[in-house]
Amino acid sequence: MGKFIAIGWVLVFNLLGATASWGQEAKRPFYEYPGDYRQEINQLKDDFKIKFGYELLDLELGWKPDEIKELTLAFSKLPETFLHIPGIKGFYHFSKLRAAPEGMPVDDVPAATFPSFQTVYRNSTQSYHVEVDDQEPRIEFFNILFYEDREIFQNIVHHEMAHAFDIFQKYLSFSREWLEITKFNLIHLPALDGRPGDDYLFTALNDPDAVHYAPVSVRQLSTYSRQNPQEDFANSVSAYITYPYFRYSHPGRYQFLKNKVFGGREYFPETSMSYRDKVISDFESALTSRDWDGAISITQEVSRDFAPEIESALIERLEKSLEASPDSVRDVKLGAATCYLNSPKALEVRRDLIRKKRVPLQNLLQNRRCGLMSRRSFENDFALWSMQSIYFFKDNGRAQIQFLDPVLPLASARGFETRYLWRIFSEGNDEVPLAEGSSLVEEGRPGSIKIDLGKSVVGTLSLPNGKPLILELGAQRNHPREFKRLNSKPAKIRFVIQSNFNYKARNNPVIKVIYPDRPEFEKLN
């Protein structure tokens, strides 16, 4: 009985304690927003529309004060030409992209600009068309955007506004001048069931031998600007506003944007120095003044583009600075700076710092870029990535494939050689290939690859006309010293070789933009 009472008291005590706790909880004041929350949002929206000319529209999600303030900061850096664009009513805030193609992952997409378009060659008029889809012109911003730091947030906003501006300028990104500056070339893509005289699609391919395409953000793949002229244009606009070396590394793009997009407005002072000299001068100044974060920023800027000669010069100066007595702060910072460089020599510098116990590996891995460049990330993740943007075409009668390999710079940085393996099958028969071959990539390429199938085939290349074919393509990464072999996931495309089909566009074609019958585009048709 005593035990029962004791247990009873314990239970009562616990219940009394819980009751007291609940009572205390009930007395806690609720958080009250200082002022009228809805009125503040409406005022911020009104101010945004008056200043920039666009409404912030609530649909799936409502806009929050901090989001509007960040968007206002981003828009304050845009040129006047990007403001009050007739035809763009406003911007929407959604949780994620809804209008994605089937199978496209959307969780990491921060924003999207509409309308979309397709590129078609119309045989009846023998003209190239950019046919804009019948969609409301708008930008959709998604939840993930508002978790980015300010620099990346603004970069994304500027990028999307560049797309919007481009749409209402009859696609400057498809103008002859822009295509010539950026070295994009048009190729024709026959339909699988196409016949002579039919319309067909066309696309713009980057030049694999051209070194410089628009600088990319830290959020983008190294080959992002090579996808098409529109992404190159949008990234160039972001670079013009944000990246201090853009005017030196891409003078043609810079001058085009200055004259035709920004109305002469500039964001960084001009000097008479070359790109290489400017970067090295700034880097030496940062090292001399012990501005280690400044040194990291410079290597980050250089990493946005493909610049192996400049990287070599920076590594040489990094090594010289590290010859001094160990310094825990300097060594960690300069070790992190090497993570932005794709030269295999940068990896050697990092490894040397770790072996000599001057920099703990875990300290380096706290830097996001160093984590992405690490052995684990490369071997367990990036090495598996498939090739992207694969096209089959003929050049002077010779069968070619061209594609993007965004992992190639990282593979080279980690000392791996890359060999591309390809096979072609008849559709429906994936057991015996009609042809197969391989091609070893040259060292120091930026990630755009063109392969002559006739030169890389085993035996003789003989492909049938008029029959659906499947191309399977993969990358094999081999390390000559560590004897490692890593294979990517294969990528596949379907294509048909049509007899007497001309894959190459004529020189300097005029591309006509066809807008839908909507009031927003009334003045553009």
Protein backbone atom coordinates (compact mmCIF):
# COMPACT_ATOMS: atom_id res chain seq x y z
CA MET A 1 0.00 0.00 0.00
CA GLY A 2 2.87 2.30 0.81
CA LYS A 3 4.33 1.78 -2.61
CA PHE A 4 1.03 2.56 -4.14
CA ILE A 5 0.77 5.84 -2.20
CA ALA A 6 4.32 6.75 -3.00
CA ILE A 7 3.72 6.17 -6.65
CA GLY A 8 0.51 8.10 -6.34
CA TRP A 9 2.33 11.07 -4.88
CA VAL A 10 4.89 10.91 -7.54
CA LEU A 11 2.17 10.96 -10.17
CA VAL A 12 0.38 13.82 -8.50
CA PHE A 13 3.63 15.73 -8.15
CA ASN A 14 4.36 15.30 -11.83
CA LEU A 15 0.88 16.36 -12.77
CA LEU A 16 1.09 19.40 -10.52
CA GLY A 17 4.43 20.29 -12.04
CA ALA A 18 2.99 19.92 -15.50
CA THR A 19 0.01 22.08 -14.57
CA ALA A 20 2.30 24.79 -13.29
CA SER A 21 4.32 24.59 -16.49
CA TRP A 22 1.19 24.88 -18.61
CA GLY A 23 0.11 27.86 -16.60
CA GLN A 24 3.45 29.57 -17.13
CA GLU A 25 3.27 28.80 -20.85
CA ALA A 26 -0.18 30.32 -21.07
CA LYS A 27 1.07 33.55 -19.52
CA ARG A 28 3.81 34.03 -22.16
CA PRO A 29 2.98 36.96 -24.42
CA PHE A 30 2.54 36.25 -28.10
CA TYR A 31 5.02 37.91 -30.47
CA GLU A 32 3.52 41.07 -31.87
CA TYR A 33 4.89 42.52 -35.10
CA PRO A 34 5.82 46.18 -34.49
CA GLY A 35 3.35 48.15 -36.54
CA ASP A 36 0.79 47.07 -39.12
CA TYR A 37 2.32 44.07 -40.95
CA ARG A 38 -0.06 44.15 -43.92
CA GLN A 39 0.20 47.90 -44.29
CA GLU A 40 4.01 47.70 -44.30
CA ILE A 41 3.95 45.06 -47.04
CA ASN A 42 1.51 47.07 -49.14
CA GLN A 43 3.63 50.20 -48.72
CA LEU A 44 6.80 48.34 -49.74
CA LYS A 45 4.99 46.96 -52.78
CA ASP A 46 3.73 50.40 -53.76
CA ASP A 47 7.20 51.90 -53.37
CA PHE A 48 8.68 49.11 -55.50
CA LYS A 49 6.17 49.68 -58.29
CA ILE A 50 6.66 53.45 -58.28
CA LYS A 51 10.44 53.17 -58.35
CA PHE A 52 10.89 50.25 -60.75
CA GLY A 53 7.57 49.87 -62.57
CA TYR A 54 6.57 46.34 -61.57
CA GLU A 55 3.97 44.85 -59.26
CA LEU A 56 4.83 42.19 -56.70
CA LEU A 57 1.92 39.80 -57.03
CA ASP A 58 0.66 37.34 -54.42
CA LEU A 59 -0.49 33.99 -55.76
CA GLU A 60 0.64 30.76 -54.12
CA LEU A 61 2.77 32.67 -51.61
CA GLY A 62 2.63 36.20 -50.30
CA TRP A 63 5.60 38.55 -50.31
CA LYS A 64 7.35 39.24 -47.00
CA PRO A 65 8.93 42.57 -46.00
CA ASP A 66 12.51 41.22 -45.97
CA GLU A 67 12.04 39.67 -49.41
CA ILE A 68 10.80 42.94 -50.88
CA LYS A 69 13.69 44.84 -49.31
CA GLU A 70 16.26 42.43 -50.77
CA LEU A 71 14.60 42.64 -54.18
CA THR A 72 14.66 46.43 -53.94
CA LEU A 73 18.41 46.38 -53.28
CA ALA A 74 18.96 44.13 -56.30
CA PHE A 75 16.85 46.31 -58.59
CA SER A 76 18.60 49.48 -57.46
CA LYS A 77 21.71 48.27 -59.32
CA LEU A 78 19.94 47.73 -62.64
CA PRO A 79 20.20 50.26 -65.48
CA GLU A 80 17.23 52.46 -66.37
CA THR A 81 16.66 50.37 -69.50
CA PHE A 82 15.57 47.44 -67.32
CA LEU A 83 12.93 49.43 -65.44
CA HIS A 84 9.32 50.14 -66.41
CA ILE A 85 9.44 47.71 -69.35
CA PRO A 86 6.00 47.93 -71.00
CA GLY A 87 4.43 44.50 -71.16
CA ILE A 88 5.79 43.12 -67.90
CA LYS A 89 3.12 43.52 -65.27
CA GLY A 90 5.05 42.10 -62.36
CA PHE A 91 6.68 39.24 -60.53
CA TYR A 92 5.25 36.20 -58.77
CA HIS A 93 6.41 34.34 -55.67
CA PHE A 94 5.94 30.56 -55.78
CA SER A 95 7.31 27.70 -53.70
CA LYS A 96 8.90 26.09 -56.78
CA LEU A 97 8.75 25.95 -60.56
CA ARG A 98 5.48 24.49 -61.86
CA ALA A 99 5.94 24.79 -65.62
CA ALA A 100 9.03 22.59 -65.93
CA PRO A 101 9.47 19.97 -68.67
CA GLU A 102 8.63 16.46 -67.54
CA GLY A 103 11.45 14.87 -65.58
CA MET A 104 13.29 18.12 -64.91
CA PRO A 105 14.35 18.53 -61.25
CA VAL A 106 12.92 21.78 -59.91
CA ASP A 107 13.91 21.94 -56.24
CA ASP A 108 17.12 23.87 -56.97
CA VAL A 109 15.64 26.29 -59.52
CA PRO A 110 15.59 29.78 -57.94
CA ALA A 111 13.71 31.71 -60.64
CA ALA A 112 12.31 31.50 -64.17
CA THR A 113 11.41 34.01 -66.87
CA PHE A 114 8.48 33.65 -69.27
CA PRO A 115 7.47 33.34 -72.06
CA SER A 116 9.50 30.49 -73.50
CA PHE A 117 10.17 30.12 -77.23
CA GLN A 118 11.12 27.64 -79.94
CA THR A 119 13.49 28.06 -82.88
CA VAL A 120 12.13 26.91 -86.24
CA TYR A 121 13.28 27.16 -89.84
CA ARG A 122 10.21 27.73 -92.04
CA ASN A 123 10.78 26.31 -95.50
CA SER A 124 7.80 28.14 -96.99
CA THR A 125 9.47 31.51 -96.38
CA GLN A 126 13.04 30.18 -96.11
CA SER A 127 13.49 32.07 -92.88
CA TYR A 128 14.67 31.46 -89.34
CA HIS A 129 12.05 32.12 -86.68
CA VAL A 130 12.15 32.55 -82.93
CA GLU A 131 8.51 31.79 -82.14
CA VAL A 132 7.56 33.09 -78.70
CA ASP A 133 5.01 31.05 -76.77
CA ASP A 134 1.60 32.46 -75.88
CA GLN A 135 2.33 33.08 -72.20
CA GLU A 136 2.09 36.08 -69.91
CA PRO A 137 5.47 37.88 -69.73
CA ARG A 138 6.66 37.54 -66.15
CA ILE A 139 9.36 36.40 -63.77
CA GLU A 140 8.62 33.79 -61.13
CA PHE A 141 10.76 33.75 -58.00
CA PHE A 142 10.87 30.56 -55.93
CA ASN A 143 11.44 29.89 -52.25
CA ILE A 144 15.02 28.70 -52.58
CA LEU A 145 16.08 32.12 -53.93
CA PHE A 146 15.34 33.82 -50.63
CA TYR A 147 17.76 31.55 -48.76
CA GLU A 148 20.73 32.60 -50.89
CA ASP A 149 23.25 35.13 -49.65
CA ARG A 150 22.94 38.66 -50.99
CA GLU A 151 25.57 38.40 -53.72
CA ILE A 152 24.06 35.26 -55.25
CA PHE A 153 20.52 36.59 -54.78
CA GLN A 154 21.31 39.76 -56.70
CA ASN A 155 23.16 37.84 -59.39
CA ILE A 156 20.08 35.66 -60.01
CA VAL A 157 17.73 38.64 -60.10
CA HIS A 158 19.97 40.50 -62.58
CA HIS A 159 20.24 37.34 -64.69
CA GLU A 160 16.46 36.92 -64.92
CA MET A 161 15.90 40.60 -65.66
CA ALA A 162 18.40 40.29 -68.51
CA HIS A 163 16.21 37.56 -69.99
CA ALA A 164 13.13 39.78 -69.61
CA PHE A 165 14.91 42.72 -71.24
CA ASP A 166 16.09 40.46 -74.07
CA ILE A 167 12.55 39.29 -74.82
CA PHE A 168 11.32 42.86 -75.28
CA GLN A 169 14.31 43.86 -77.41
CA LYS A 170 13.47 41.27 -80.09
CA TYR A 171 16.17 39.03 -78.64
CA LEU A 172 19.42 40.92 -78.88
CA SER A 173 20.95 37.58 -77.97
CA PHE A 174 20.00 36.33 -81.46
CA SER A 175 21.32 39.40 -83.25
CA ARG A 176 24.10 38.96 -85.79
CA GLU A 177 26.45 41.09 -83.73
CA TRP A 178 25.93 39.12 -80.51
CA LEU A 179 26.27 35.75 -82.26
CA GLU A 180 29.49 36.94 -83.88
CA ILE A 181 30.93 38.24 -80.60
CA THR A 182 30.00 35.10 -78.68
CA LYS A 183 30.91 32.63 -81.46
CA PHE A 184 27.63 30.76 -81.49
CA ASN A 185 26.82 29.07 -84.80
CA LEU A 186 23.45 27.81 -86.02
CA ILE A 187 22.92 24.19 -87.01
CA HIS A 188 19.79 22.53 -88.39
CA LEU A 189 18.10 19.63 -86.60
CA PRO A 190 15.94 17.39 -88.82
CA ALA A 191 12.81 15.84 -87.34
CA LEU A 192 12.82 12.08 -86.79
CA ASP A 193 9.97 11.75 -89.30
CA GLY A 194 11.03 14.68 -91.47
CA ARG A 195 10.82 14.71 -95.26
CA PRO A 196 12.43 16.98 -97.86
CA GLY A 197 10.76 20.39 -97.79
CA ASP A 198 9.53 20.10 -94.19
CA ASP A 199 10.17 22.72 -91.55
CA TYR A 200 12.78 21.82 -88.95
CA LEU A 201 14.28 23.07 -85.72
CA PHE A 202 17.59 24.86 -85.42
CA THR A 203 19.85 25.59 -82.47
CA ALA A 204 22.91 27.69 -81.66
CA LEU A 205 26.06 25.76 -80.76
CA ASN A 206 29.01 27.23 -78.93
CA ASP A 207 32.49 27.01 -80.43
CA PRO A 208 34.51 24.33 -78.56
CA ASP A 209 37.74 26.05 -79.60
CA ALA A 210 36.65 29.44 -78.23
CA VAL A 211 38.11 29.90 -74.76
CA HIS A 212 35.94 32.66 -73.31
CA TYR A 213 32.22 32.45 -72.73
CA ALA A 214 30.37 34.61 -70.23
CA PRO A 215 31.61 34.28 -66.61
CA VAL A 216 29.46 32.02 -64.45
CA SER A 217 28.24 32.50 -60.90
CA VAL A 218 29.34 30.22 -58.07
CA ARG A 219 25.92 28.59 -58.29
CA GLN A 220 26.27 27.60 -61.95
CA LEU A 221 28.12 24.85 -63.79
CA SER A 222 31.27 25.97 -65.59
CA THR A 223 29.63 25.33 -68.99
CA TYR A 224 26.38 27.18 -68.23
CA SER A 225 27.02 30.11 -70.58
CA ARG A 226 27.81 27.73 -73.45
CA GLN A 227 24.29 26.30 -73.45
CA ASN A 228 22.86 28.96 -75.75
CA PRO A 229 23.19 32.68 -76.60
CA GLN A 230 20.43 33.63 -74.15
CA GLU A 231 22.23 32.24 -71.09
CA ASP A 232 25.48 33.77 -72.30
CA PHE A 233 23.71 37.13 -72.65
CA ALA A 234 22.09 36.95 -69.21
CA ASN A 235 25.34 35.91 -67.54
CA SER A 236 27.15 38.72 -69.34
CA VAL A 237 24.65 41.25 -67.97
CA SER A 238 25.18 39.93 -64.43
CA ALA A 239 28.94 40.06 -64.97
CA TYR A 240 28.78 43.65 -66.25
CA ILE A 241 27.14 44.73 -62.99
CA THR A 242 28.99 42.53 -60.50
CA TYR A 243 32.33 41.16 -61.74
CA PRO A 244 35.26 43.62 -61.69
CA TYR A 245 37.33 41.81 -64.34
CA PHE A 246 34.58 41.35 -66.93
CA ARG A 247 35.61 44.40 -68.96
CA TYR A 248 39.14 42.95 -69.22
CA SER A 249 38.33 39.29 -69.83
CA HIS A 250 35.43 39.87 -72.28
CA PRO A 251 35.96 43.26 -73.97
CA GLY A 252 33.68 42.50 -76.94
CA ARG A 253 30.73 41.56 -74.76
CA TYR A 254 31.43 44.46 -72.42
CA GLN A 255 31.39 47.08 -75.19
CA PHE A 256 28.21 45.64 -76.73
CA LEU A 257 26.39 45.78 -73.40
CA LYS A 258 27.70 49.23 -72.58
CA ASN A 259 26.39 50.65 -75.85
CA LYS A 260 23.18 48.69 -76.40
CA VAL A 261 21.97 47.62 -72.97
CA PHE A 262 23.34 49.86 -70.20
CA GLY A 263 23.16 53.20 -72.00
CA GLY A 264 26.80 53.95 -71.20
CA ARG A 265 26.48 53.30 -67.46
CA GLU A 266 29.53 51.60 -65.93
CA TYR A 267 30.08 50.03 -62.52
CA PHE A 268 33.88 49.71 -62.32
CA PRO A 269 36.67 52.15 -63.24
CA GLU A 270 38.67 51.56 -66.39
CA THR A 271 42.44 51.13 -66.53
CA SER A 272 44.80 50.59 -69.45
CA MET A 273 46.02 47.26 -68.07
CA SER A 274 45.45 43.89 -69.73
CA TYR A 275 43.33 41.22 -68.05
CA ARG A 276 46.39 39.25 -66.96
CA ASP A 277 48.28 42.26 -65.67
CA LYS A 278 45.27 43.62 -63.79
CA VAL A 279 44.58 40.33 -62.00
CA ILE A 280 48.22 39.74 -61.08
CA SER A 281 48.66 43.32 -59.86
CA ASP A 282 45.58 43.06 -57.64
CA PHE A 283 46.65 39.65 -56.35
CA GLU A 284 50.15 40.81 -55.46
CA SER A 285 48.70 43.81 -53.64
CA ALA A 286 46.40 41.53 -51.64
CA LEU A 287 49.28 39.24 -50.65
CA THR A 288 51.55 42.14 -49.72
CA SER A 289 48.89 43.75 -47.53
CA ARG A 290 47.95 40.37 -46.01
CA ASP A 291 44.43 40.75 -47.34
CA TRP A 292 43.79 37.02 -47.48
CA ASP A 293 40.06 37.36 -48.09
CA GLY A 294 40.88 39.68 -50.97
CA ALA A 295 43.17 37.00 -52.41
CA ILE A 296 40.35 34.47 -52.19
CA SER A 297 37.99 36.89 -53.95
CA ILE A 298 40.44 37.33 -56.82
CA THR A 299 40.85 33.58 -57.36
CA GLN A 300 37.08 33.26 -57.24
CA GLU A 301 36.72 35.89 -59.97
CA VAL A 302 39.33 34.17 -62.14
CA SER A 303 37.55 30.82 -61.70
CA ARG A 304 34.42 32.19 -63.41
CA ASP A 305 36.19 31.92 -66.76
CA PHE A 306 38.73 29.60 -68.39
CA ALA A 307 42.13 31.22 -67.85
CA PRO A 308 44.89 28.59 -67.33
CA GLU A 309 47.77 31.03 -67.92
CA ILE A 310 46.49 33.44 -65.28
CA GLU A 311 45.87 30.56 -62.87
CA SER A 312 49.49 29.45 -63.27
CA ALA A 313 50.72 32.96 -62.46
CA LEU A 314 48.54 33.13 -59.33
CA ILE A 315 49.69 29.72 -58.11
CA GLU A 316 53.31 30.76 -58.54
CA ARG A 317 52.71 33.78 -56.29
CA LEU A 318 50.72 31.71 -53.80
CA GLU A 319 53.60 29.27 -53.44
CA LYS A 320 56.06 32.10 -52.92
CA SER A 321 53.88 33.59 -50.18
CA LEU A 322 53.59 30.19 -48.50
CA GLU A 323 57.39 29.77 -48.40
CA ALA A 324 57.44 32.02 -45.34
CA SER A 325 57.16 30.58 -41.84
CA PRO A 326 53.85 28.84 -41.10
CA ASP A 327 50.98 31.19 -40.33
CA SER A 328 47.74 29.47 -39.36
CA VAL A 329 45.45 32.22 -40.65
CA ARG A 330 47.32 32.86 -43.90
CA ASP A 331 47.79 29.17 -44.67
CA VAL A 332 44.10 28.31 -44.27
CA LYS A 333 43.02 31.31 -46.35
CA LEU A 334 45.48 30.71 -49.19
CA GLY A 335 44.70 27.01 -49.08
CA ALA A 336 41.05 27.93 -49.62
CA ALA A 337 42.07 30.25 -52.46
CA THR A 338 43.57 27.30 -54.36
CA CYS A 339 40.16 25.58 -54.35
CA TYR A 340 38.93 28.10 -56.93
CA LEU A 341 41.69 27.21 -59.40
CA ASN A 342 41.37 24.30 -61.83
CA SER A 343 45.07 23.75 -62.39
CA PRO A 344 46.35 20.39 -61.01
CA LYS A 345 49.14 22.44 -59.44
CA ALA A 346 46.58 24.04 -57.11
CA LEU A 347 45.68 20.60 -55.77
CA GLU A 348 49.38 19.91 -55.12
CA VAL A 349 49.64 23.11 -53.08
CA ARG A 350 46.64 22.09 -50.95
CA ARG A 351 47.95 18.58 -50.42
CA ASP A 352 51.35 19.92 -49.40
CA LEU A 353 49.76 22.19 -46.78
CA ILE A 354 47.78 19.25 -45.40
CA ARG A 355 50.74 16.83 -45.36
CA LYS A 356 52.89 19.32 -43.47
CA LYS A 357 50.02 19.81 -41.00
CA ARG A 358 49.91 23.51 -41.69
CA VAL A 359 46.23 23.31 -42.62
CA PRO A 360 43.79 20.73 -41.19
CA LEU A 361 41.73 19.12 -43.93
CA GLN A 362 38.51 19.74 -42.01
CA ASN A 363 39.23 23.47 -41.92
CA LEU A 364 39.51 23.55 -45.70
CA LEU A 365 36.35 21.52 -46.18
CA GLN A 366 34.39 24.16 -44.28
CA ASN A 367 34.80 26.25 -47.42
CA ARG A 368 31.98 25.23 -49.77
CA ARG A 369 34.16 25.42 -52.86
CA CYS A 370 36.83 23.22 -51.28
CA GLY A 371 34.14 20.69 -50.45
CA LEU A 372 33.01 20.62 -54.07
CA MET A 373 36.61 20.18 -55.26
CA SER A 374 37.33 17.37 -52.80
CA ARG A 375 38.11 13.77 -53.68
CA ARG A 376 34.87 12.51 -52.14
CA SER A 377 32.66 14.94 -54.06
CA PHE A 378 34.37 14.19 -57.35
CA GLU A 379 34.57 10.41 -57.10
CA ASN A 380 31.19 9.80 -55.45
CA ASP A 381 29.12 12.41 -57.26
CA PHE A 382 30.51 14.52 -60.09
CA ALA A 383 32.31 11.68 -61.87
CA LEU A 384 28.93 9.99 -62.34
CA TRP A 385 27.31 12.95 -64.11
CA SER A 386 26.13 12.40 -67.67
CA MET A 387 27.08 14.53 -70.65
CA GLN A 388 24.70 17.37 -71.52
CA SER A 389 23.38 19.17 -74.63
CA ILE A 390 24.38 16.41 -77.06
CA TYR A 391 23.89 17.03 -80.78
CA PHE A 392 24.58 14.96 -83.89
CA PHE A 393 25.24 16.79 -87.16
CA LYS A 394 27.42 16.69 -90.24
CA ASP A 395 30.17 19.15 -91.07
CA ASN A 396 31.38 19.00 -94.68
CA GLY A 397 29.84 15.57 -94.93
CA ARG A 398 31.58 14.21 -91.83
CA ALA A 399 29.51 12.89 -88.91
CA GLN A 400 30.10 14.86 -85.70
CA ILE A 401 28.80 14.98 -82.16
CA GLN A 402 29.11 17.97 -79.88
CA PHE A 403 28.23 18.15 -76.19
CA LEU A 404 28.99 19.75 -72.85
CA ASP A 405 30.94 18.06 -70.07
CA PRO A 406 30.66 20.36 -67.02
CA VAL A 407 32.83 17.99 -64.95
CA LEU A 408 35.85 18.13 -67.28
CA PRO A 409 37.57 21.11 -65.56
CA LEU A 410 37.19 19.43 -62.16
CA ALA A 411 38.48 16.11 -63.51
CA SER A 412 41.54 17.90 -64.90
CA ALA A 413 42.03 19.72 -61.60
CA ARG A 414 42.19 16.38 -59.81
CA GLY A 415 44.69 14.97 -62.30
CA PHE A 416 42.31 12.72 -64.26
CA GLU A 417 42.45 12.19 -68.00
CA THR A 418 39.09 11.94 -69.76
CA ARG A 419 38.20 9.60 -72.59
CA TYR A 420 34.76 9.74 -74.20
CA LEU A 421 33.19 6.44 -75.26
CA TRP A 422 30.36 6.38 -77.78
CA ARG A 423 28.18 3.74 -79.41
CA ILE A 424 25.41 3.97 -82.00
CA PHE A 425 22.55 1.47 -82.19
CA SER A 426 19.52 0.98 -84.37
CA GLU A 427 16.46 1.94 -82.35
CA GLY A 428 15.05 -1.17 -80.70
CA ASN A 429 18.32 -3.10 -80.86
CA ASP A 430 20.71 -2.11 -78.08
CA GLU A 431 22.73 -5.33 -78.07
CA VAL A 432 24.90 -4.99 -81.17
CA PRO A 433 26.15 -1.47 -81.99
CA LEU A 434 26.31 -0.26 -85.57
CA ALA A 435 29.44 1.69 -84.65
CA GLU A 436 31.50 2.51 -81.59
CA GLY A 437 34.58 4.51 -80.78
CA SER A 438 36.41 6.68 -78.28
CA SER A 439 38.24 9.98 -78.08
CA LEU A 440 40.82 11.14 -75.54
CA VAL A 441 40.36 14.80 -74.71
CA GLU A 442 43.24 17.23 -74.80
CA GLU A 443 44.39 18.65 -71.49
CA GLY A 444 43.18 22.07 -70.49
CA ARG A 445 39.80 22.33 -72.20
CA PRO A 446 36.84 24.25 -70.77
CA GLY A 447 34.17 21.56 -71.10
CA SER A 448 32.80 21.85 -74.64
CA ILE A 449 33.69 18.85 -76.79
CA LYS A 450 33.33 18.09 -80.50
CA ILE A 451 34.16 14.59 -81.78
CA ASP A 452 34.58 13.51 -85.39
CA LEU A 453 32.92 10.08 -85.38
CA GLY A 454 34.75 8.99 -88.52
CA LYS A 455 38.15 9.67 -86.94
CA SER A 456 37.33 8.11 -83.57
CA VAL A 457 35.42 5.01 -84.74
CA VAL A 458 36.76 1.49 -84.38
CA GLY A 459 36.95 0.28 -87.97
CA THR A 460 34.90 2.09 -90.61
CA LEU A 461 31.91 4.34 -89.93
CA SER A 462 28.82 3.35 -91.91
CA LEU A 463 25.46 4.62 -90.68
CA PRO A 464 22.10 4.13 -92.42
CA ASN A 465 20.01 7.04 -93.68
CA GLY A 466 16.37 7.51 -92.76
CA LYS A 467 16.32 5.12 -89.80
CA PRO A 468 15.98 6.12 -86.12
CA LEU A 469 19.31 5.72 -84.34
CA ILE A 470 20.39 5.88 -80.70
CA LEU A 471 23.67 7.48 -79.65
CA GLU A 472 25.02 6.41 -76.25
CA LEU A 473 27.77 8.58 -74.81
CA GLY A 474 29.79 8.38 -71.61
CA ALA A 475 32.99 9.66 -70.04
CA GLN A 476 35.73 7.54 -68.54
CA ARG A 477 38.05 9.34 -66.09
CA ASN A 478 41.46 7.73 -65.63
CA HIS A 479 44.13 8.76 -63.14
CA PRO A 480 47.57 7.87 -64.57
CA ARG A 481 49.32 7.71 -61.18
CA GLU A 482 46.62 6.45 -58.82
CA PHE A 483 45.32 3.87 -61.35
CA LYS A 484 41.72 4.86 -60.75
CA ARG A 485 39.02 4.56 -63.40
CA LEU A 486 35.67 6.28 -62.96
CA ASN A 487 32.79 6.00 -65.43
CA SER A 488 29.96 8.48 -65.88
CA LYS A 489 26.36 7.46 -66.34
CA PRO A 490 25.67 7.09 -70.07
CA ALA A 491 23.56 9.68 -71.86
CA LYS A 492 21.44 8.87 -74.91
CA ILE A 493 19.88 10.80 -77.78
CA ARG A 494 17.71 9.74 -80.74
CA PHE A 495 18.45 11.04 -84.21
CA VAL A 496 17.94 10.33 -87.90
CA ILE A 497 20.37 10.95 -90.74
CA GLN A 498 18.45 12.40 -93.67
CA SER A 499 19.86 12.11 -97.18
CA ASN A 500 21.15 15.40 -98.60
CA PHE A 501 20.12 17.33 -95.48
CA ASN A 502 22.11 20.52 -94.92
CA TYR A 503 22.98 20.72 -91.23
CA LYS A 504 24.86 24.01 -91.39
CA ALA A 505 23.07 27.35 -91.55
CA ARG A 506 23.98 29.87 -94.21
CA ASN A 507 26.34 32.67 -93.26
CA ASN A 508 24.90 35.57 -91.26
CA PRO A 509 21.27 34.44 -91.30
CA VAL A 510 18.58 36.91 -90.27
CA ILE A 511 16.50 35.57 -87.39
CA LYS A 512 12.96 36.89 -87.19
CA VAL A 513 11.14 37.00 -83.85
CA ILE A 514 7.44 36.09 -83.99
CA TYR A 515 5.46 37.20 -80.96
CA PRO A 516 2.04 35.84 -79.97
CA ASP A 517 -1.09 37.90 -80.46
CA ARG A 518 -1.11 39.41 -76.99
CA PRO A 519 -1.47 43.08 -75.99
CA GLU A 520 1.92 42.98 -74.22
CA PHE A 521 3.67 42.37 -77.56
CA GLU A 522 1.46 44.54 -79.76
CA LYS A 523 4.21 47.06 -80.56
CA LEU A 524 6.80 44.37 -81.32
CA ASN A 525 5.04 42.46 -84.10
